[in-house]
Structures are given as structure tokens and as C-alpha cells.
């Protein structure tokens, strides 16, 4: 459970040992990805970020606040938050399924 860095010995944690063993298994089983493939996947994931405008964030906050006050409970607001998360997931997986705007890479 020890590794040396220069002349300095470093004690590995249980988690680090497990991760190293998992990595070794992946290498032995051929579960590898090239750096260029990894970069491409990271780029694709980065492209699929849903960004809220300041106005949209304020409106969402006000809607949730209104729901909580109107119903004297946060239950409905919490349900809305879950629905919004589902929609964001759908948007991030299918970004071209929505109407383009005059702004580059912005859809509604």
C-alpha cells in the first residue's frame, strides 16, 4: 500500500487502491479510450450545457415563490423543479429539436 515519489513514501488510501485495481482491470480487458476520443466526448458534453438567462432565472424563481405562497407549501414548487430538470435533460440530449433564434447556438 505504499508508493514512492522520489525518496518520499506515500501511503495510499483504500479508495486509491480500489481505483488503481479498477484501472488495471480496464487495461487488461481492453476497456480503453484514446485521448482524441475522450477530448471529443468532453467537447460534445460541453456543447450541451443549458444556460439560463438572468431574466429566465428571475422568472423561474418568482414562479416558484408564487407557487409556494399560493399553496402555502413548497410541494408544488418542488414538483415544478423536478419537471424543469426533466425538460433540461431532454433539451441537453436533443438540442437541435428546438426552434433556433437569431442568436448563434441559442434555441427556444
Protein backbone atom coordinates (compact mmCIF):
# COMPACT_ATOMS: atom_id res chain seq x y z
CA UNK A 1 0.00 0.00 0.00
CA UNK A 2 2.98 2.29 -0.32
CA UNK A 3 4.24 4.19 -3.31
CA UNK A 4 7.37 6.24 -3.56
CA UNK A 5 7.69 9.67 -5.07
CA UNK A 6 11.36 10.45 -5.35
CA UNK A 7 12.68 9.33 -1.98
CA UNK A 8 9.41 10.12 -0.26
CA UNK A 9 6.98 7.28 0.51
CA UNK A 10 3.26 7.95 0.16
CA UNK A 11 0.58 5.87 1.86
CA UNK A 12 -2.34 5.13 -0.49
CA UNK A 13 -5.89 5.27 0.80
CA UNK A 14 -8.26 2.34 0.42
CA UNK A 15 -10.14 4.28 -2.28
CA UNK A 16 -6.96 4.96 -4.24
CA UNK A 17 -6.04 1.28 -4.16
CA UNK A 18 -9.51 0.32 -5.39
CA UNK A 19 -9.31 2.87 -8.23
CA UNK A 20 -5.89 1.58 -9.25
CA UNK A 21 -7.19 -2.00 -9.30
CA UNK A 22 -10.22 -0.96 -11.36
CA UNK A 23 -7.92 0.87 -13.79
CA UNK A 24 -5.70 -2.20 -14.10
CA UNK A 25 -8.76 -4.37 -14.84
CA UNK A 26 -9.89 -1.92 -17.53
CA UNK A 27 -6.46 -2.06 -19.16
CA UNK A 28 -6.38 -5.86 -19.06
CA UNK A 29 -9.91 -6.10 -20.52
CA UNK A 30 -9.25 -3.55 -23.25
CA UNK A 31 -11.75 -1.02 -21.89
CA UNK A 32 -9.72 1.90 -23.19
CA UNK A 33 -10.44 5.16 -24.97
CA UNK A 34 -7.95 7.25 -26.91
CA UNK A 35 -7.17 10.79 -25.84
CA UNK A 36 -8.75 12.15 -29.03
CA UNK A 37 -11.96 10.19 -28.37
CA UNK A 38 -12.00 11.47 -24.79
CA UNK A 39 -11.48 15.04 -25.99
CA UNK A 40 -14.32 14.63 -28.49
CA UNK A 41 -16.68 13.32 -25.79
CA UNK A 42 -15.75 16.18 -23.46
CA UNK A 43 -16.36 18.67 -26.27
CA UNK A 44 -19.78 17.13 -27.01
CA UNK A 45 -20.72 17.26 -23.33
CA UNK A 46 -19.55 20.86 -23.06
CA UNK A 47 -21.68 21.83 -26.05
CA UNK A 48 -24.81 20.55 -24.34
CA UNK A 49 -24.95 22.92 -21.43
CA UNK A 50 -28.28 24.63 -20.85
CA UNK A 51 -27.66 28.23 -19.86
CA UNK A 52 -30.40 30.26 -18.21
CA UNK A 53 -30.58 33.96 -18.95
CA UNK A 54 -30.77 36.31 -15.98
CA UNK A 55 -34.38 37.11 -16.90
CA UNK A 56 -35.33 33.43 -17.14
CA UNK A 57 -33.68 32.70 -13.79
CA UNK A 58 -35.56 35.55 -12.12
CA UNK A 59 -38.85 34.47 -13.70
CA UNK A 60 -38.33 30.86 -12.62
CA UNK A 61 -37.55 31.99 -9.07
CA UNK A 62 -40.66 34.20 -8.96
CA UNK A 63 -42.88 31.43 -10.31
CA UNK A 64 -41.59 29.00 -7.69
CA UNK A 65 -42.01 31.61 -4.94
CA UNK A 66 -45.58 32.33 -6.13
CA UNK A 67 -46.44 28.61 -6.12
CA UNK A 68 -45.10 28.20 -2.59
CA UNK A 69 -47.01 31.22 -1.30
CA UNK A 70 -50.26 30.48 -3.16
CA UNK A 71 -50.38 26.89 -1.92
CA UNK A 72 -48.88 27.64 1.50
CA UNK A 73 -46.50 24.77 0.78
CA UNK A 74 -43.36 24.11 -1.23
CA UNK A 75 -44.69 20.78 -2.52
CA UNK A 76 -45.96 22.11 -5.88
CA UNK A 77 -42.81 24.21 -6.35
CA UNK A 78 -40.70 21.11 -5.72
CA UNK A 79 -42.71 19.21 -8.34
CA UNK A 80 -42.11 22.07 -10.80
CA UNK A 81 -38.38 21.92 -10.10
CA UNK A 82 -38.39 18.20 -10.94
CA UNK A 83 -40.32 18.84 -14.16
CA UNK A 84 -37.89 21.59 -15.12
CA UNK A 85 -34.95 19.22 -14.54
CA UNK A 86 -36.59 16.63 -16.81
CA UNK A 87 -37.07 19.24 -19.53
CA UNK A 88 -33.47 20.43 -19.20
CA UNK A 89 -32.29 16.84 -19.61
CA UNK A 90 -34.42 16.48 -22.76
CA UNK A 91 -33.08 19.76 -24.13
CA UNK A 92 -29.47 18.79 -23.44
CA UNK A 93 -29.91 15.42 -25.19
CA UNK A 94 -31.81 16.88 -28.20
CA UNK A 95 -30.56 20.45 -28.64
CA UNK A 96 -31.48 20.65 -32.33
CA UNK A 97 -35.09 19.66 -31.71
CA UNK A 98 -35.96 23.20 -30.65
CA UNK A 99 -36.61 26.39 -32.58
CA UNK A 100 -33.48 28.39 -33.49
CA UNK A 101 -33.25 32.06 -32.58
CA UNK A 102 -31.42 34.94 -34.19
CA UNK A 103 -28.55 34.22 -31.77
CA UNK A 104 -25.94 31.66 -32.74
CA UNK A 105 -26.27 28.36 -30.83
CA UNK A 106 -29.39 29.56 -28.98
CA UNK A 107 -32.68 27.69 -29.27
CA UNK A 108 -36.04 28.03 -27.54
